[in-house]
Protein backbone atom coordinates (compact mmCIF):
# COMPACT_ATOMS: atom_id res chain seq x y z
CA MET A 1 104.23 156.73 84.22
CA ARG A 2 102.47 154.21 82.00
CA HIS A 3 104.99 151.38 82.13
CA ARG A 4 103.86 148.27 80.22
CA LEU A 5 100.34 149.56 79.68
CA LYS A 6 99.47 148.87 76.05
CA THR A 7 95.86 150.00 75.98
CA THR A 8 95.33 152.87 73.59
CA LYS A 9 92.97 155.29 75.31
CA LEU A 10 91.61 157.02 72.18
CA GLN A 11 90.58 159.97 74.41
CA ARG A 12 87.56 158.04 75.72
CA ARG A 13 86.38 156.68 79.04
CA PRO A 14 86.73 152.90 79.50
CA ALA A 15 83.07 152.05 78.86
CA HIS A 16 82.91 154.22 75.74
CA ARG A 17 86.22 152.81 74.49
CA LYS A 18 85.04 149.20 74.99
CA ALA A 19 81.79 149.90 73.11
CA LEU A 20 83.66 151.65 70.29
CA LEU A 21 86.16 148.83 69.82
CA SER A 22 83.54 146.07 69.94
CA ASN A 23 81.41 147.96 67.39
CA LEU A 24 84.43 148.34 65.12
CA ILE A 25 85.13 144.61 65.36
CA VAL A 26 81.50 143.78 64.54
CA SER A 27 81.65 146.11 61.52
CA LEU A 28 84.90 144.48 60.43
CA ILE A 29 83.30 141.04 60.66
CA GLU A 30 80.15 142.06 58.78
CA HIS A 31 81.77 144.18 56.06
CA ARG A 32 85.20 142.49 55.87
CA ARG A 33 86.85 145.92 55.50
CA ILE A 34 86.23 149.20 57.27
CA ARG A 35 87.57 152.71 56.86
CA THR A 36 88.59 154.37 60.10
CA THR A 37 91.37 156.46 61.60
CA VAL A 38 94.83 154.94 61.90
CA ALA A 39 94.73 155.13 65.71
CA LYS A 40 91.43 153.22 65.89
CA ALA A 41 92.65 150.66 63.34
CA LYS A 42 95.77 150.03 65.40
CA ALA A 43 93.67 149.69 68.56
CA VAL A 44 91.22 147.26 66.92
CA ARG A 45 93.82 145.03 65.30
CA PRO A 46 94.96 142.99 68.36
CA LEU A 47 91.39 142.57 69.61
CA ALA A 48 90.10 141.41 66.23
CA GLU A 49 92.96 138.94 65.89
CA LYS A 50 92.30 137.54 69.37
CA ILE A 51 88.61 137.03 68.52
CA LEU A 52 89.57 135.27 65.28
CA THR A 53 91.91 133.03 67.29
CA LEU A 54 88.90 132.02 69.40
CA GLY A 55 87.13 131.02 66.18
CA LYS A 56 90.10 128.95 65.05
CA LYS A 57 90.30 127.23 68.45
CA ALA A 58 86.60 126.38 68.22
CA MET A 59 87.21 124.90 64.75
CA LEU A 60 89.96 122.69 66.16
CA ALA A 61 87.72 121.63 69.06
CA ASN A 62 84.98 120.61 66.58
CA GLU A 63 87.33 118.85 64.16
CA GLY A 64 86.47 115.26 63.31
CA ARG A 65 82.89 115.37 64.65
CA THR A 66 80.07 113.65 62.83
CA ASP A 67 77.41 115.89 64.42
CA VAL A 68 78.12 119.30 62.90
CA THR A 69 74.97 120.96 64.29
CA ASN A 70 76.22 121.09 67.90
CA ASP A 71 79.51 122.37 69.28
CA THR A 72 81.70 120.50 71.71
CA PRO A 73 81.76 121.99 75.21
CA LYS A 74 85.18 123.50 74.49
CA ALA A 75 84.00 125.08 71.21
CA LEU A 76 80.87 126.35 72.93
CA HIS A 77 83.08 127.99 75.56
CA TYR A 78 85.08 129.81 72.85
CA ARG A 79 81.87 130.90 71.13
CA ARG A 80 80.50 132.31 74.40
CA LEU A 81 83.74 134.18 75.05
CA ALA A 82 83.49 135.79 71.61
CA ILE A 83 79.82 136.67 72.15
CA ALA A 84 80.69 138.34 75.47
CA GLN A 85 83.50 140.33 73.85
CA LEU A 86 81.21 141.54 71.04
CA ASP A 87 78.36 142.67 73.31
CA ASN A 88 76.02 139.72 72.62
CA ASN A 89 76.12 140.08 68.82
CA VAL A 90 75.40 136.43 67.96
CA LYS A 91 75.05 137.13 64.23
CA ALA A 92 78.59 138.54 63.98
CA VAL A 93 80.02 135.61 65.97
CA ARG A 94 78.24 133.17 63.66
CA ILE A 95 79.78 134.85 60.60
CA LEU A 96 83.20 134.89 62.29
CA PHE A 97 83.14 131.22 63.27
CA ASN A 98 81.53 129.86 60.07
CA GLU A 99 83.11 131.98 57.33
CA ILE A 100 86.11 134.03 58.45
CA ALA A 101 87.87 131.53 60.74
CA PRO A 102 87.84 128.68 58.17
CA ALA A 103 89.32 131.06 55.57
CA HIS A 104 92.27 131.75 57.92
CA LYS A 105 92.79 128.12 58.92
CA ALA A 106 96.28 127.82 57.44
CA ARG A 107 97.51 131.27 58.53
CA PRO A 108 99.52 131.20 61.78
CA GLY A 109 98.84 134.84 62.67
CA GLY A 110 98.60 138.33 61.23
CA TYR A 111 94.97 138.01 60.18
CA THR A 112 94.40 141.72 59.50
CA ARG A 113 95.96 144.29 57.21
CA ILE A 114 96.03 148.05 57.75
CA THR A 115 96.36 150.16 54.61
CA LYS A 116 96.93 153.88 55.15
CA LEU A 117 94.86 156.18 52.96
CA GLY A 118 96.01 159.71 53.71
CA GLN A 119 94.29 162.50 55.55
CA ARG A 120 90.58 163.04 56.03
CA ARG A 121 89.43 166.19 54.34
CA SER A 122 87.50 167.73 57.19
CA ASP A 123 89.97 167.53 60.07
CA ALA A 124 93.13 166.08 58.47
CA ALA A 125 92.99 162.93 60.63
CA PRO A 126 95.08 160.11 59.14
CA MET A 127 92.72 157.47 57.70
CA ALA A 128 93.21 153.76 56.99
CA TYR A 129 91.45 150.60 55.86
CA ILE A 130 91.57 147.60 58.16
CA GLU A 131 90.61 144.31 56.52
CA TRP A 132 90.93 140.54 56.90
CA MET A 133 93.73 138.95 54.90
CA ASP A 134 92.26 135.70 53.51
CA THR A 135 88.54 136.28 53.66
CA PRO A 136 86.14 135.91 50.76
CA LYS A 137 83.88 138.85 49.98
CA PRO A 138 80.60 139.01 51.91
CA LEU A 139 77.55 137.41 50.33
CA LYS A 140 75.84 140.80 49.89
CA VAL A 141 78.65 141.98 47.60
CA LEU A 142 78.68 138.71 45.65
CA GLU A 143 74.90 138.78 45.15
CA ALA A 144 75.05 142.36 43.89
CA ALA A 145 77.84 141.51 41.45
CA ALA A 146 76.22 138.31 40.10
CA PRO A 147 73.98 138.85 37.06
CA THR A 148 70.31 138.07 37.49
CA GLU A 149 68.50 135.53 35.32
CA ALA A 150 66.87 138.30 33.27
CA GLU A 151 70.30 139.77 32.47
CA VAL A 152 71.63 136.36 31.44
CA VAL A 153 68.61 135.75 29.15
CA ALA A 154 68.98 139.24 27.69
CA GLU A 155 72.64 138.59 26.90
CA GLU A 156 71.86 135.27 25.19
CA ALA A 157 69.05 136.65 23.00
CA PRO A 158 70.21 138.07 19.67
CA ALA A 159 70.15 141.84 19.42
CA PRO A 160 67.40 143.22 17.17
CA ALA A 161 68.48 144.71 13.88
CA ALA A 162 68.92 148.47 13.71
CA GLU A 163 66.14 148.82 11.09
CA GLU A 164 63.54 147.14 13.29
CA THR A 165 63.96 149.41 16.29
CA ALA A 166 62.15 152.71 16.46
CA PRO A 167 64.36 155.78 16.62
CA GLU A 168 64.67 157.16 20.10
CA ALA A 169 63.17 160.55 20.72
CA ALA A 170 65.63 163.23 21.61
CA PRO A 171 65.32 164.35 25.20
CA LYS A 172 63.33 167.53 25.60
CA LYS A 173 65.21 170.59 26.67
CA ARG A 174 63.82 172.45 29.58
CA THR A 175 63.33 176.07 28.79
CA ARG A 176 62.66 178.80 31.23
CA LYS A 177 59.71 181.01 30.71
CA ALA A 178 60.66 184.60 30.40
CA LYS A 179 59.41 186.70 33.22
CA THR A 180 56.92 189.17 31.98
CA PRO A 181 56.31 192.34 33.86
CA LYS A 182 52.85 192.50 35.29
CA ALA A 183 50.63 194.94 33.59
CA GLU A 184 49.65 197.80 35.81
CA GLU A 185 45.99 198.40 35.88
């Protein structure tokens, strides 16, 4: 009997399960929202929230410091614990501690949200989004959405009059050549 054993096995061996869950957490940190099965989302949720709690504890340990480039020994300890949990992914820990944890500073818990999506088409597995609650969108998404300088200049310039522009050529239709029977010689 599995009394008081909360670990969801996900039909994987322990090493594979640990790698899967840490990769899902890293993806959640980098992309802010991931699409996965409901079982995996429910298994990732407590681990992701514990890692975010480490980030919040590190923020509290660094609070009130004039030297913001270095962590206190306590904050460094929390950072190293997070790095160990995420298989030495320092980039993900940096994003977590510098962007995601400050966004959740006022929230006492419940940092993630699971939204059920329905069944996957191929095997009918129940799918879900898992995402952070109070996190801003990643910089990649914001950069893609922001207009470039050329677009801003193009919007400010007055549109040319209809008479001045040359009429656009109609797109050519592709026609198939009729197959001709080969002449017998």
